[in-house]
C-alpha cells in the first residue's frame, strides 16, 4: 500500500510542477495545510478519495492522471 501512496505523490508533484503551482498555492486552493501537501507528495500519508478528487479539481485534471 505504501507504494501506491508514493506513486500518487509523485504524480501529484509532477502535475503541480507542470502547471507551475507552488505547494503553498495548491494547499490554499484545496483548503489543506501546506505541510500535509508535502507529506502527500512524499507518500508519507494515505489520503481519502475525497482529498484526491479535491486535489485533482484544484489542478484542473481528471483524477486518473494522478492515480498509479
C-alpha atoms as a PDB file:
ATOM      1  CA  UNK A   1       0.000   0.000   0.000  1.00  0.00           C
ATOM      2  CA  UNK A   2       2.857   2.375   0.770  1.00  0.00           C
ATOM      3  CA  UNK A   3       3.965   2.109  -2.865  1.00  0.00           C
ATOM      4  CA  UNK A   4       0.578   3.427  -4.009  1.00  0.00           C
ATOM      5  CA  UNK A   5       0.879   6.469  -1.750  1.00  0.00           C
ATOM      6  CA  UNK A   6       4.371   7.161  -3.101  1.00  0.00           C
ATOM      7  CA  UNK A   7       3.244   6.771  -6.720  1.00  0.00           C
ATOM      8  CA  UNK A   8       0.268   9.067  -6.137  1.00  0.00           C
ATOM      9  CA  UNK A   9       2.557  11.640  -4.518  1.00  0.00           C
ATOM     10  CA  UNK A  10       4.998  11.545  -7.415  1.00  0.00           C
ATOM     11  CA  UNK A  11       2.212  12.070  -9.933  1.00  0.00           C
ATOM     12  CA  UNK A  12       0.698  14.852  -7.844  1.00  0.00           C
ATOM     13  CA  UNK A  13       4.048  16.666  -7.646  1.00  0.00           C
ATOM     14  CA  UNK A  14       4.685  16.217 -11.386  1.00  0.00           C
ATOM     15  CA  UNK A  15       1.278  17.643 -12.311  1.00  0.00           C
ATOM     16  CA  UNK A  16       1.602  20.519  -9.828  1.00  0.00           C
ATOM     17  CA  UNK A  17       5.048  21.454 -11.146  1.00  0.00           C
ATOM     18  CA  UNK A  18       3.942  21.068 -14.773  1.00  0.00           C
ATOM     19  CA  UNK A  19       1.280  23.689 -14.065  1.00  0.00           C
ATOM     20  CA  UNK A  20       3.725  25.930 -12.183  1.00  0.00           C
ATOM     21  CA  UNK A  21       1.743  25.849  -8.944  1.00  0.00           C
ATOM     22  CA  UNK A  22       3.536  26.029  -5.598  1.00  0.00           C
ATOM     23  CA  UNK A  23       2.718  23.724  -2.706  1.00  0.00           C
ATOM     24  CA  UNK A  24       1.508  26.782  -0.806  1.00  0.00           C
ATOM     25  CA  UNK A  25      -0.928  27.790  -3.540  1.00  0.00           C
ATOM     26  CA  UNK A  26      -2.223  24.261  -4.035  1.00  0.00           C
ATOM     27  CA  UNK A  27      -2.739  23.865  -0.293  1.00  0.00           C
ATOM     28  CA  UNK A  28      -4.580  27.179  -0.127  1.00  0.00           C
ATOM     29  CA  UNK A  29      -6.863  26.286  -3.036  1.00  0.00           C
ATOM     30  CA  UNK A  30      -7.527  22.800  -1.639  1.00  0.00           C
ATOM     31  CA  UNK A  31      -8.033  24.198   1.865  1.00  0.00           C
ATOM     32  CA  UNK A  32      -5.464  21.896   3.437  1.00  0.00           C
ATOM     33  CA  UNK A  33      -2.243  22.555   5.305  1.00  0.00           C
ATOM     34  CA  UNK A  34       0.885  23.054   3.169  1.00  0.00           C
ATOM     35  CA  UNK A  35       2.867  20.598   5.268  1.00  0.00           C
ATOM     36  CA  UNK A  36       0.179  17.986   4.585  1.00  0.00           C
ATOM     37  CA  UNK A  37       0.614  18.569   0.832  1.00  0.00           C
ATOM     38  CA  UNK A  38       4.330  17.881   1.272  1.00  0.00           C
ATOM     39  CA  UNK A  39       3.595  14.677   3.168  1.00  0.00           C
ATOM     40  CA  UNK A  40       1.183  13.584   0.412  1.00  0.00           C
ATOM     41  CA  UNK A  41       3.792  14.260  -2.276  1.00  0.00           C
ATOM     42  CA  UNK A  42       6.390  12.258  -0.339  1.00  0.00           C
ATOM     43  CA  UNK A  43       3.961   9.347   0.063  1.00  0.00           C
ATOM     44  CA  UNK A  44       4.009   9.585   3.842  1.00  0.00           C
ATOM     45  CA  UNK A  45       0.224   9.577   4.242  1.00  0.00           C
ATOM     46  CA  UNK A  46      -2.722   7.747   2.734  1.00  0.00           C
ATOM     47  CA  UNK A  47      -5.300  10.315   1.731  1.00  0.00           C
ATOM     48  CA  UNK A  48      -9.022   9.845   1.315  1.00  0.00           C
ATOM     49  CA  UNK A  49     -10.669   9.637  -2.072  1.00  0.00           C
ATOM     50  CA  UNK A  50     -12.366  12.914  -1.261  1.00  0.00           C
ATOM     51  CA  UNK A  51      -8.983  14.661  -0.867  1.00  0.00           C
ATOM     52  CA  UNK A  52      -7.637  13.009  -4.022  1.00  0.00           C
ATOM     53  CA  UNK A  53     -10.575  14.318  -6.048  1.00  0.00           C
ATOM     54  CA  UNK A  54     -10.253  17.721  -4.395  1.00  0.00           C
ATOM     55  CA  UNK A  55      -6.579  17.947  -5.393  1.00  0.00           C
ATOM     56  CA  UNK A  56      -7.384  16.844  -8.951  1.00  0.00           C
ATOM     57  CA  UNK A  57     -10.019  19.576  -9.136  1.00  0.00           C
ATOM     58  CA  UNK A  58      -7.545  22.200  -7.913  1.00  0.00           C
ATOM     59  CA  UNK A  59      -5.084  21.065 -10.589  1.00  0.00           C
ATOM     60  CA  UNK A  60      -7.833  21.016 -13.225  1.00  0.00           C
ATOM     61  CA  UNK A  61      -7.137  17.433 -14.190  1.00  0.00           C
ATOM     62  CA  UNK A  62      -9.001  14.151 -14.246  1.00  0.00           C
ATOM     63  CA  UNK A  63      -8.352  12.023 -11.164  1.00  0.00           C
ATOM     64  CA  UNK A  64      -6.995   9.285 -13.464  1.00  0.00           C
ATOM     65  CA  UNK A  65      -3.970  11.490 -14.167  1.00  0.00           C
ATOM     66  CA  UNK A  66      -2.966  11.216 -10.511  1.00  0.00           C
ATOM     67  CA  UNK A  67      -3.772   7.573  -9.875  1.00  0.00           C
ATOM     68  CA  UNK A  68      -0.980   4.985 -10.063  1.00  0.00           C
END
